[in-house]
Amino acid sequence: MTEEYTETHHTVPFLEGKSSIGRLGIDIHATAGKGDVGFCNTWTLEISCVQPVRVYKGMPIGQLIYFHVSGDIKNYYHLKSNAKYIQRTDKPVESMMWKNAF
């Protein structure tokens, strides 16, 4: 998980790995590279490596890019009644897909 806590109120965050980390064969996300407007928390990373490599606490491995949203925002993530990932934690958060209605 990231050390940094982020809040996005009028932007959509995109998580990208740093190029120097990619050159080591480390990917920091496979599917969850975009956040929601209103997401206020740390990010749980999906780290995968193509070869053995060491990752150290505090090592800069990713970057967030913020895209400004124009117009009215009607559905902030942290205000949704079914938002699953709003509990602030100091540990990575497992999938809560089981809470989805199918």
PDB file of N, CA and C in Angstrom:
ATOM      1  N   MET A   1       0.844  -1.181   0.000  1.00  0.00           N
ATOM      2  CA  MET A   1       0.000   0.000   0.000  1.00  0.00           C
ATOM      3  C   MET A   1       0.884   1.237   0.000  1.00  0.00           C
ATOM      4  N   THR A   2       0.320   2.333  -0.402  1.00  0.00           N
ATOM      5  CA  THR A   2       1.102   3.563  -0.418  1.00  0.00           C
ATOM      6  C   THR A   2       1.244   4.128   0.985  1.00  0.00           C
ATOM      7  N   GLU A   3       2.326   4.829   1.211  1.00  0.00           N
ATOM      8  CA  GLU A   3       2.488   5.559   2.470  1.00  0.00           C
ATOM      9  C   GLU A   3       1.631   6.816   2.458  1.00  0.00           C
ATOM     10  N   GLU A   4       1.405   7.351   1.269  1.00  0.00           N
ATOM     11  CA  GLU A   4       0.689   8.609   1.130  1.00  0.00           C
ATOM     12  C   GLU A   4      -0.821   8.407   1.163  1.00  0.00           C
ATOM     13  N   TYR A   5      -1.470   9.286   1.863  1.00  0.00           N
ATOM     14  CA  TYR A   5      -2.924   9.380   1.883  1.00  0.00           C
ATOM     15  C   TYR A   5      -3.286  10.451   0.859  1.00  0.00           C
ATOM     16  N   THR A   6      -4.252  10.164   0.002  1.00  0.00           N
ATOM     17  CA  THR A   6      -4.645  11.144  -1.000  1.00  0.00           C
ATOM     18  C   THR A   6      -6.137  11.425  -0.919  1.00  0.00           C
ATOM     19  N   GLU A   7      -6.512  12.597  -1.380  1.00  0.00           N
ATOM     20  CA  GLU A   7      -7.923  12.964  -1.515  1.00  0.00           C
ATOM     21  C   GLU A   7      -8.123  13.558  -2.893  1.00  0.00           C
ATOM     22  N   THR A   8      -9.209  13.175  -3.547  1.00  0.00           N
ATOM     23  CA  THR A   8      -9.516  13.726  -4.862  1.00  0.00           C
ATOM     24  C   THR A   8     -10.959  14.212  -4.839  1.00  0.00           C
ATOM     25  N   HIS A   9     -11.127  15.508  -4.970  1.00  0.00           N
ATOM     26  CA  HIS A   9     -12.467  16.077  -4.886  1.00  0.00           C
ATOM     27  C   HIS A   9     -12.973  16.620  -6.220  1.00  0.00           C
ATOM     28  N   HIS A  10     -12.087  17.071  -7.063  1.00  0.00           N
ATOM     29  CA  HIS A  10     -12.489  17.583  -8.375  1.00  0.00           C
ATOM     30  C   HIS A  10     -11.571  17.047  -9.463  1.00  0.00           C
ATOM     31  N   THR A  11     -10.933  15.904  -9.189  1.00  0.00           N
ATOM     32  CA  THR A  11     -10.021  15.297 -10.152  1.00  0.00           C
ATOM     33  C   THR A  11     -10.221  13.781 -10.169  1.00  0.00           C
ATOM     34  N   VAL A  12      -9.787  13.170 -11.262  1.00  0.00           N
ATOM     35  CA  VAL A  12      -9.752  11.710 -11.374  1.00  0.00           C
ATOM     36  C   VAL A  12      -8.276  11.316 -11.323  1.00  0.00           C
ATOM     37  N   PRO A  13      -7.877  10.512 -10.346  1.00  0.00           N
ATOM     38  CA  PRO A  13      -6.472  10.127 -10.244  1.00  0.00           C
ATOM     39  C   PRO A  13      -6.159   8.878 -11.080  1.00  0.00           C
ATOM     40  N   PHE A  14      -5.023   8.907 -11.753  1.00  0.00           N
ATOM     41  CA  PHE A  14      -4.503   7.748 -12.484  1.00  0.00           C
ATOM     42  C   PHE A  14      -3.184   7.367 -11.831  1.00  0.00           C
ATOM     43  N   LEU A  15      -3.034   6.116 -11.479  1.00  0.00           N
ATOM     44  CA  LEU A  15      -1.818   5.614 -10.860  1.00  0.00           C
ATOM     45  C   LEU A  15      -0.938   4.992 -11.942  1.00  0.00           C
ATOM     46  N   GLU A  16       0.298   5.408 -12.006  1.00  0.00           N
ATOM     47  CA  GLU A  16       1.244   4.868 -12.976  1.00  0.00           C
ATOM     48  C   GLU A  16       2.539   4.507 -12.265  1.00  0.00           C
ATOM     49  N   GLY A  17       3.183   3.474 -12.743  1.00  0.00           N
ATOM     50  CA  GLY A  17       4.487   3.105 -12.220  1.00  0.00           C
ATOM     51  C   GLY A  17       5.555   4.010 -12.790  1.00  0.00           C
ATOM     52  N   LYS A  18       6.605   4.221 -12.036  1.00  0.00           N
ATOM     53  CA  LYS A  18       7.731   5.011 -12.541  1.00  0.00           C
ATOM     54  C   LYS A  18       8.483   4.175 -13.573  1.00  0.00           C
ATOM     55  N   SER A  19       9.031   4.825 -14.578  1.00  0.00           N
ATOM     56  CA  SER A  19       9.704   4.098 -15.655  1.00  0.00           C
ATOM     57  C   SER A  19      10.917   3.316 -15.150  1.00  0.00           C
ATOM     58  N   SER A  20      11.622   3.858 -14.162  1.00  0.00           N
ATOM     59  CA  SER A  20      12.795   3.143 -13.635  1.00  0.00           C
ATOM     60  C   SER A  20      12.388   1.844 -12.948  1.00  0.00           C
ATOM     61  N   ILE A  21      11.192   1.796 -12.376  1.00  0.00           N
ATOM     62  CA  ILE A  21      10.670   0.577 -11.750  1.00  0.00           C
ATOM     63  C   ILE A  21      10.247  -0.412 -12.830  1.00  0.00           C
ATOM     64  N   GLY A  22       9.614   0.099 -13.888  1.00  0.00           N
ATOM     65  CA  GLY A  22       9.232  -0.759 -15.009  1.00  0.00           C
ATOM     66  C   GLY A  22      10.441  -1.426 -15.641  1.00  0.00           C
ATOM     67  N   ARG A  23      11.557  -0.723 -15.703  1.00  0.00           N
ATOM     68  CA  ARG A  23      12.778  -1.299 -16.280  1.00  0.00           C
ATOM     69  C   ARG A  23      13.328  -2.442 -15.425  1.00  0.00           C
ATOM     70  N   LEU A  24      12.947  -2.464 -14.153  1.00  0.00           N
ATOM     71  CA  LEU A  24      13.343  -3.578 -13.280  1.00  0.00           C
ATOM     72  C   LEU A  24      12.385  -4.759 -13.395  1.00  0.00           C
ATOM     73  N   GLY A  25      11.294  -4.580 -14.136  1.00  0.00           N
ATOM     74  CA  GLY A  25      10.309  -5.641 -14.302  1.00  0.00           C
ATOM     75  C   GLY A  25       9.216  -5.628 -13.247  1.00  0.00           C
ATOM     76  N   ILE A  26       8.994  -4.466 -12.635  1.00  0.00           N
ATOM     77  CA  ILE A  26       7.964  -4.346 -11.604  1.00  0.00           C
ATOM     78  C   ILE A  26       6.764  -3.600 -12.174  1.00  0.00           C
ATOM     79  N   ASP A  27       5.583  -4.175 -12.007  1.00  0.00           N
ATOM     80  CA  ASP A  27       4.330  -3.507 -12.324  1.00  0.00           C
ATOM     81  C   ASP A  27       3.635  -3.217 -11.005  1.00  0.00           C
ATOM     82  N   ILE A  28       3.060  -2.026 -10.858  1.00  0.00           N
ATOM     83  CA  ILE A  28       2.400  -1.702  -9.592  1.00  0.00           C
ATOM     84  C   ILE A  28       0.886  -1.816  -9.668  1.00  0.00           C
ATOM     85  N   HIS A  29       0.342  -2.001 -10.870  1.00  0.00           N
ATOM     86  CA  HIS A  29      -1.089  -2.268 -10.975  1.00  0.00           C
ATOM     87  C   HIS A  29      -1.369  -3.019 -12.270  1.00  0.00           C
ATOM     88  N   ALA A  30      -2.319  -3.915 -12.190  1.00  0.00           N
ATOM     89  CA  ALA A  30      -2.734  -4.672 -13.363  1.00  0.00           C
ATOM     90  C   ALA A  30      -4.090  -4.180 -13.859  1.00  0.00           C
ATOM     91  N   THR A  31      -4.987  -3.870 -12.944  1.00  0.00           N
ATOM     92  CA  THR A  31      -6.343  -3.503 -13.340  1.00  0.00           C
ATOM     93  C   THR A  31      -6.840  -2.217 -12.697  1.00  0.00           C
ATOM     94  N   ALA A  32      -6.287  -1.834 -11.571  1.00  0.00           N
ATOM     95  CA  ALA A  32      -6.867  -0.720 -10.808  1.00  0.00           C
ATOM     96  C   ALA A  32      -6.011   0.531 -10.899  1.00  0.00           C
ATOM     97  N   GLY A  33      -5.799   1.028 -12.086  1.00  0.00           N
ATOM     98  CA  GLY A  33      -4.955   2.194 -12.267  1.00  0.00           C
ATOM     99  C   GLY A  33      -5.681   3.519 -12.187  1.00  0.00           C
ATOM    100  N   LYS A  34      -6.986   3.478 -12.071  1.00  0.00           N
ATOM    101  CA  LYS A  34      -7.769   4.713 -12.007  1.00  0.00           C
ATOM    102  C   LYS A  34      -8.520   4.769 -10.686  1.00  0.00           C
ATOM    103  N   GLY A  35      -8.592   5.951 -10.123  1.00  0.00           N
ATOM    104  CA  GLY A  35      -9.345   6.145  -8.897  1.00  0.00           C
ATOM    105  C   GLY A  35     -10.663   6.835  -9.192  1.00  0.00           C
ATOM    106  N   ASP A  36     -11.421   7.084  -8.167  1.00  0.00           N
ATOM    107  CA  ASP A  36     -12.712   7.754  -8.288  1.00  0.00           C
ATOM    108  C   ASP A  36     -12.635   9.160  -7.727  1.00  0.00           C
ATOM    109  N   VAL A  37     -13.419  10.053  -8.300  1.00  0.00           N
ATOM    110  CA  VAL A  37     -13.563  11.379  -7.714  1.00  0.00           C
ATOM    111  C   VAL A  37     -14.163  11.179  -6.322  1.00  0.00           C
ATOM    112  N   GLY A  38     -13.512  11.728  -5.323  1.00  0.00           N
ATOM    113  CA  GLY A  38     -13.991  11.563  -3.956  1.00  0.00           C
ATOM    114  C   GLY A  38     -13.318  10.427  -3.210  1.00  0.00           C
ATOM    115  N   PHE A  39     -12.344   9.731  -3.835  1.00  0.00           N
ATOM    116  CA  PHE A  39     -11.616   8.685  -3.118  1.00  0.00           C
ATOM    117  C   PHE A  39     -10.638   9.373  -2.174  1.00  0.00           C
ATOM    118  N   CYS A  40     -10.725   9.052  -0.896  1.00  0.00           N
ATOM    119  CA  CYS A  40      -9.883   9.659   0.134  1.00  0.00           C
ATOM    120  C   CYS A  40      -9.280   8.538   0.967  1.00  0.00           C
ATOM    121  N   ASN A  41      -8.077   8.126   0.634  1.00  0.00           N
ATOM    122  CA  ASN A  41      -7.463   7.005   1.342  1.00  0.00           C
ATOM    123  C   ASN A  41      -6.058   6.774   0.804  1.00  0.00           C
ATOM    124  N   THR A  42      -5.432   5.712   1.289  1.00  0.00           N
ATOM    125  CA  THR A  42      -4.191   5.231   0.699  1.00  0.00           C
ATOM    126  C   THR A  42      -4.575   4.301  -0.456  1.00  0.00           C
ATOM    127  N   TRP A  43      -3.613   3.921  -1.266  1.00  0.00           N
ATOM    128  CA  TRP A  43      -3.855   3.028  -2.403  1.00  0.00           C
ATOM    129  C   TRP A  43      -3.267   1.654  -2.103  1.00  0.00           C
ATOM    130  N   THR A  44      -4.049   0.620  -2.313  1.00  0.00           N
ATOM    131  CA  THR A  44      -3.535  -0.744  -2.240  1.00  0.00           C
ATOM    132  C   THR A  44      -2.984  -1.081  -3.617  1.00  0.00           C
ATOM    133  N   LEU A  45      -1.729  -1.466  -3.679  1.00  0.00           N
ATOM    134  CA  LEU A  45      -1.059  -1.734  -4.951  1.00  0.00           C
ATOM    135  C   LEU A  45      -1.144  -3.213  -5.321  1.00  0.00           C
ATOM    136  N   GLU A  46      -1.122  -3.492  -6.606  1.00  0.00           N
ATOM    137  CA  GLU A  46      -1.113  -4.869  -7.127  1.00  0.00           C
ATOM    138  C   GLU A  46       0.281  -5.129  -7.693  1.00  0.00           C
ATOM    139  N   ILE A  47       1.260  -5.240  -6.858  1.00  0.00           N
ATOM    140  CA  ILE A  47       2.646  -5.354  -7.332  1.00  0.00           C
ATOM    141  C   ILE A  47       2.908  -6.750  -7.884  1.00  0.00           C
ATOM    142  N   SER A  48       3.470  -6.791  -9.083  1.00  0.00           N
ATOM    143  CA  SER A  48       3.928  -8.056  -9.663  1.00  0.00           C
ATOM    144  C   SER A  48       5.293  -7.814 -10.293  1.00  0.00           C
ATOM    145  N   CYS A  49       6.103  -8.849 -10.276  1.00  0.00           N
ATOM    146  CA  CYS A  49       7.472  -8.752 -10.782  1.00  0.00           C
ATOM    147  C   CYS A  49       7.728  -9.880 -11.770  1.00  0.00           C
ATOM    148  N   VAL A  50       8.467  -9.571 -12.830  1.00  0.00           N
ATOM    149  CA  VAL A  50       8.799 -10.597 -13.824  1.00  0.00           C
ATOM    150  C   VAL A  50      10.083 -11.336 -13.475  1.00  0.00           C
ATOM    151  N   GLN A  51      10.787 -10.855 -12.465  1.00  0.00           N
ATOM    152  CA  GLN A  51      12.015 -11.501 -11.998  1.00  0.00           C
ATOM    153  C   GLN A  51      12.194 -11.137 -10.523  1.00  0.00           C
ATOM    154  N   PRO A  52      13.020 -11.869  -9.797  1.00  0.00           N
ATOM    155  CA  PRO A  52      13.255 -11.508  -8.391  1.00  0.00           C
ATOM    156  C   PRO A  52      13.874 -10.108  -8.286  1.00  0.00           C
ATOM    157  N   VAL A  53      13.290  -9.292  -7.425  1.00  0.00           N
ATOM    158  CA  VAL A  53      13.777  -7.932  -7.228  1.00  0.00           C
ATOM    159  C   VAL A  53      13.351  -7.474  -5.838  1.00  0.00           C
ATOM    160  N   ARG A  54      14.149  -6.636  -5.218  1.00  0.00           N
ATOM    161  CA  ARG A  54      13.826  -6.136  -3.886  1.00  0.00           C
ATOM    162  C   ARG A  54      13.096  -4.811  -3.982  1.00  0.00           C
ATOM    163  N   VAL A  55      12.055  -4.685  -3.172  1.00  0.00           N
ATOM    164  CA  VAL A  55      11.314  -3.438  -3.043  1.00  0.00           C
ATOM    165  C   VAL A  55      11.438  -3.030  -1.579  1.00  0.00           C
ATOM    166  N   TYR A  56      11.894  -1.824  -1.343  1.00  0.00           N
ATOM    167  CA  TYR A  56      12.124  -1.348   0.011  1.00  0.00           C
ATOM    168  C   TYR A  56      11.037  -0.380   0.456  1.00  0.00           C
ATOM    169  N   LYS A  57      10.751  -0.374   1.736  1.00  0.00           N
ATOM    170  CA  LYS A  57       9.813   0.595   2.300  1.00  0.00           C
ATOM    171  C   LYS A  57      10.313   2.003   1.978  1.00  0.00           C
ATOM    172  N   GLY A  58       9.397   2.833   1.523  1.00  0.00           N
ATOM    173  CA  GLY A  58       9.750   4.204   1.190  1.00  0.00           C
ATOM    174  C   GLY A  58      10.308   4.385  -0.213  1.00  0.00           C
ATOM    175  N   MET A  59      10.503   3.298  -0.941  1.00  0.00           N
ATOM    176  CA  MET A  59      11.046   3.362  -2.299  1.00  0.00           C
ATOM    177  C   MET A  59      10.001   3.980  -3.234  1.00  0.00           C
ATOM    178  N   PRO A  60      10.344   5.036  -3.965  1.00  0.00           N
ATOM    179  CA  PRO A  60       9.364   5.632  -4.886  1.00  0.00           C
ATOM    180  C   PRO A  60       9.151   4.725  -6.093  1.00  0.00           C
ATOM    181  N   ILE A  61       7.959   4.176  -6.208  1.00  0.00           N
ATOM    182  CA  ILE A  61       7.701   3.241  -7.304  1.00  0.00           C
ATOM    183  C   ILE A  61       6.565   3.683  -8.211  1.00  0.00           C
ATOM    184  N   GLY A  62       5.805   4.684  -7.794  1.00  0.00           N
ATOM    185  CA  GLY A  62       4.669   5.102  -8.604  1.00  0.00           C
ATOM    186  C   GLY A  62       4.444   6.589  -8.541  1.00  0.00           C
ATOM    187  N   GLN A  63       3.510   7.014  -9.363  1.00  0.00           N
ATOM    188  CA  GLN A  63       3.143   8.422  -9.389  1.00  0.00           C
ATOM    189  C   GLN A  63       1.668   8.539  -9.725  1.00  0.00           C
ATOM    190  N   LEU A  64       1.040   9.548  -9.171  1.00  0.00           N
ATOM    191  CA  LEU A  64      -0.362   9.820  -9.473  1.00  0.00           C
ATOM    192  C   LEU A  64      -0.444  10.987 -10.439  1.00  0.00           C
ATOM    193  N   ILE A  65      -1.298  10.840 -11.417  1.00  0.00           N
ATOM    194  CA  ILE A  65      -1.575  11.902 -12.381  1.00  0.00           C
ATOM    195  C   ILE A  65      -3.039  12.267 -12.178  1.00  0.00           C
ATOM    196  N   TYR A  66      -3.320  13.539 -12.023  1.00  0.00           N
ATOM    197  CA  TYR A  66      -4.682  13.993 -11.750  1.00  0.00           C
ATOM    198  C   TYR A  66      -5.267  14.694 -12.970  1.00  0.00           C
ATOM    199  N   PHE A  67      -6.467  14.286 -13.359  1.00  0.00           N
ATOM    200  CA  PHE A  67      -7.180  14.916 -14.457  1.00  0.00           C
ATOM    201  C   PHE A  67      -8.366  15.673 -13.883  1.00  0.00           C
ATOM    202  N   HIS A  68      -8.444  16.958 -14.201  1.00  0.00           N
ATOM    203  CA  HIS A  68      -9.509  17.815 -13.693  1.00  0.00           C
ATOM    204  C   HIS A  68     -10.840  17.437 -14.331  1.00  0.00           C
ATOM    205  N   VAL A  69     -11.879  17.415 -13.531  1.00  0.00           N
ATOM    206  CA  VAL A  69     -13.229  17.124 -14.008  1.00  0.00           C
ATOM    207  C   VAL A  69     -13.938  18.455 -14.218  1.00  0.00           C
ATOM    208  N   SER A  70     -14.512  18.640 -15.389  1.00  0.00           N
ATOM    209  CA  SER A  70     -15.287  19.848 -15.620  1.00  0.00           C
ATOM    210  C   SER A  70     -16.769  19.514 -15.484  1.00  0.00           C
ATOM    211  N   GLY A  71     -17.535  20.479 -15.052  1.00  0.00           N
ATOM    212  CA  GLY A  71     -18.955  20.251 -14.837  1.00  0.00           C
ATOM    213  C   GLY A  71     -19.242  19.853 -13.401  1.00  0.00           C
ATOM    214  N   ASP A  72     -20.493  19.582 -13.141  1.00  0.00           N
ATOM    215  CA  ASP A  72     -20.927  19.209 -11.793  1.00  0.00           C
ATOM    216  C   ASP A  72     -20.609  17.749 -11.510  1.00  0.00           C
ATOM    217  N   ILE A  73     -20.147  17.488 -10.318  1.00  0.00           N
ATOM    218  CA  ILE A  73     -19.888  16.119  -9.874  1.00  0.00           C
ATOM    219  C   ILE A  73     -21.045  15.726  -8.973  1.00  0.00           C
ATOM    220  N   LYS A  74     -21.751  14.677  -9.341  1.00  0.00           N
ATOM    221  CA  LYS A  74     -22.956  14.296  -8.608  1.00  0.00           C
ATOM    222  C   LYS A  74     -22.790  13.030  -7.776  1.00  0.00           C
ATOM    223  N   ASN A  75     -21.666  12.353  -7.927  1.00  0.00           N
ATOM    224  CA  ASN A  75     -21.535  11.055  -7.280  1.00  0.00           C
ATOM    225  C   ASN A  75     -20.118  10.863  -6.738  1.00  0.00           C
ATOM    226  N   TYR A  76     -19.774  11.597  -5.695  1.00  0.00           N
ATOM    227  CA  TYR A  76     -18.457  11.450  -5.077  1.00  0.00           C
ATOM    228  C   TYR A  76     -18.340  10.071  -4.433  1.00  0.00           C
ATOM    229  N   TYR A  77     -17.175   9.449  -4.595  1.00  0.00           N
ATOM    230  CA  TYR A  77     -16.981   8.100  -4.060  1.00  0.00           C
ATOM    231  C   TYR A  77     -17.210   8.043  -2.550  1.00  0.00           C
ATOM    232  N   HIS A  78     -16.621   8.956  -1.817  1.00  0.00           N
ATOM    233  CA  HIS A  78     -16.700   8.888  -0.348  1.00  0.00           C
ATOM    234  C   HIS A  78     -18.095   9.189   0.189  1.00  0.00           C
ATOM    235  N   LEU A  79     -19.001   9.634  -0.668  1.00  0.00           N
ATOM    236  CA  LEU A  79     -20.367   9.899  -0.235  1.00  0.00           C
ATOM    237  C   LEU A  79     -21.349   8.826  -0.681  1.00  0.00           C
ATOM    238  N   LYS A  80     -20.880   7.854  -1.459  1.00  0.00           N
ATOM    239  CA  LYS A  80     -21.763   6.771  -1.912  1.00  0.00           C
ATOM    240  C   LYS A  80     -22.130   5.872  -0.736  1.00  0.00           C
ATOM    241  N   SER A  81     -23.361   5.431  -0.696  1.00  0.00           N
ATOM    242  CA  SER A  81     -23.791   4.543   0.390  1.00  0.00           C
ATOM    243  C   SER A  81     -23.155   3.158   0.253  1.00  0.00           C
ATOM    244  N   ASN A  82     -22.757   2.776  -0.948  1.00  0.00           N
ATOM    245  CA  ASN A  82     -22.163   1.448  -1.157  1.00  0.00           C
ATOM    246  C   ASN A  82     -20.650   1.506  -1.357  1.00  0.00           C
ATOM    247  N   ALA A  83     -19.998   2.611  -0.995  1.00  0.00           N
ATOM    248  CA  ALA A  83     -18.539   2.718  -1.123  1.00  0.00           C
ATOM    249  C   ALA A  83     -17.876   1.714  -0.184  1.00  0.00           C
ATOM    250  N   LYS A  84     -17.005   0.875  -0.728  1.00  0.00           N
ATOM    251  CA  LYS A  84     -16.415  -0.218   0.057  1.00  0.00           C
ATOM    252  C   LYS A  84     -15.036   0.102   0.626  1.00  0.00           C
ATOM    253  N   TYR A  85     -14.346   1.054   0.055  1.00  0.00           N
ATOM    254  CA  TYR A  85     -12.949   1.279   0.424  1.00  0.00           C
ATOM    255  C   TYR A  85     -12.743   2.664   1.045  1.00  0.00           C
ATOM    256  N   ILE A  86     -13.554   2.995   2.030  1.00  0.00           N
ATOM    257  CA  ILE A  86     -13.427   4.307   2.666  1.00  0.00           C
ATOM    258  C   ILE A  86     -12.853   4.227   4.077  1.00  0.00           C
ATOM    259  N   GLN A  87     -12.775   3.047   4.630  1.00  0.00           N
ATOM    260  CA  GLN A  87     -12.207   2.863   5.970  1.00  0.00           C
ATOM    261  C   GLN A  87     -10.696   3.092   5.901  1.00  0.00           C
ATOM    262  N   ARG A  88     -10.207   4.116   6.585  1.00  0.00           N
ATOM    263  CA  ARG A  88      -8.763   4.381   6.567  1.00  0.00           C
ATOM    264  C   ARG A  88      -8.040   3.286   7.347  1.00  0.00           C
ATOM    265  N   THR A  89      -6.955   2.788   6.754  1.00  0.00           N
ATOM    266  CA  THR A  89      -6.228   1.669   7.346  1.00  0.00           C
ATOM    267  C   THR A  89      -4.731   1.842   7.152  1.00  0.00           C
ATOM    268  N   ASP A  90      -3.958   1.119   7.937  1.00  0.00           N
ATOM    269  CA  ASP A  90      -2.505   1.137   7.765  1.00  0.00           C
ATOM    270  C   ASP A  90      -2.006  -0.182   7.185  1.00  0.00           C
ATOM    271  N   LYS A  91      -2.938  -0.961   6.628  1.00  0.00           N
ATOM    272  CA  LYS A  91      -2.600  -2.245   6.010  1.00  0.00           C
ATOM    273  C   LYS A  91      -3.257  -2.315   4.631  1.00  0.00           C
ATOM    274  N   PRO A  92      -2.698  -3.112   3.722  1.00  0.00           N
ATOM    275  CA  PRO A  92      -3.360  -3.294   2.422  1.00  0.00           C
ATOM    276  C   PRO A  92      -4.773  -3.839   2.618  1.00  0.00           C
ATOM    277  N   VAL A  93      -5.670  -3.469   1.727  1.00  0.00           N
ATOM    278  CA  VAL A  93      -7.072  -3.866   1.834  1.00  0.00           C
ATOM    279  C   VAL A  93      -7.372  -4.934   0.794  1.00  0.00           C
ATOM    280  N   GLU A  94      -7.950  -6.042   1.265  1.00  0.00           N
ATOM    281  CA  GLU A  94      -8.317  -7.127   0.357  1.00  0.00           C
ATOM    282  C   GLU A  94      -9.544  -6.741  -0.463  1.00  0.00           C
ATOM    283  N   SER A  95      -9.792  -7.489  -1.510  1.00  0.00           N
ATOM    284  CA  SER A  95     -10.954  -7.239  -2.361  1.00  0.00           C
ATOM    285  C   SER A  95     -12.247  -7.362  -1.564  1.00  0.00           C
ATOM    286  N   MET A  96     -13.152  -6.454  -1.818  1.00  0.00           N
ATOM    287  CA  MET A  96     -14.482  -6.518  -1.209  1.00  0.00           C
ATOM    288  C   MET A  96     -15.538  -6.697  -2.289  1.00  0.00           C
ATOM    289  N   MET A  97     -15.139  -7.341  -3.380  1.00  0.00           N
ATOM    290  CA  MET A  97     -16.066  -7.560  -4.477  1.00  0.00           C
ATOM    291  C   MET A  97     -17.288  -8.363  -4.040  1.00  0.00           C
ATOM    292  N   TRP A  98     -17.137  -9.151  -2.997  1.00  0.00           N
ATOM    293  CA  TRP A  98     -18.247  -9.964  -2.491  1.00  0.00           C
ATOM    294  C   TRP A  98     -19.410  -9.104  -2.015  1.00  0.00           C
ATOM    295  N   LYS A  99     -19.156  -7.800  -1.772  1.00  0.00           N
ATOM    296  CA  LYS A  99     -20.231  -6.908  -1.345  1.00  0.00           C
ATOM    297  C   LYS A  99     -21.062  -6.387  -2.522  1.00  0.00           C
ATOM    298  N   ASN A 100     -20.598  -6.609  -3.745  1.00  0.00           N
ATOM    299  CA  ASN A 100     -21.326  -6.125  -4.921  1.00  0.00           C
ATOM    300  C   ASN A 100     -22.623  -6.895  -5.119  1.00  0.00           C
ATOM    301  N   ALA A 101     -23.651  -6.218  -5.586  1.00  0.00           N
ATOM    302  CA  ALA A 101     -24.911  -6.874  -5.935  1.00  0.00           C
ATOM    303  C   ALA A 101     -24.820  -7.287  -7.401  1.00  0.00           C
ATOM    304  N   PHE A 102     -25.084  -8.558  -7.664  1.00  0.00           N
ATOM    305  CA  PHE A 102     -25.023  -9.066  -9.036  1.00  0.00           C
ATOM    306  C   PHE A 102     -26.408  -9.382  -9.536  1.00  0.00           C
TER     307      PHE A 102
END
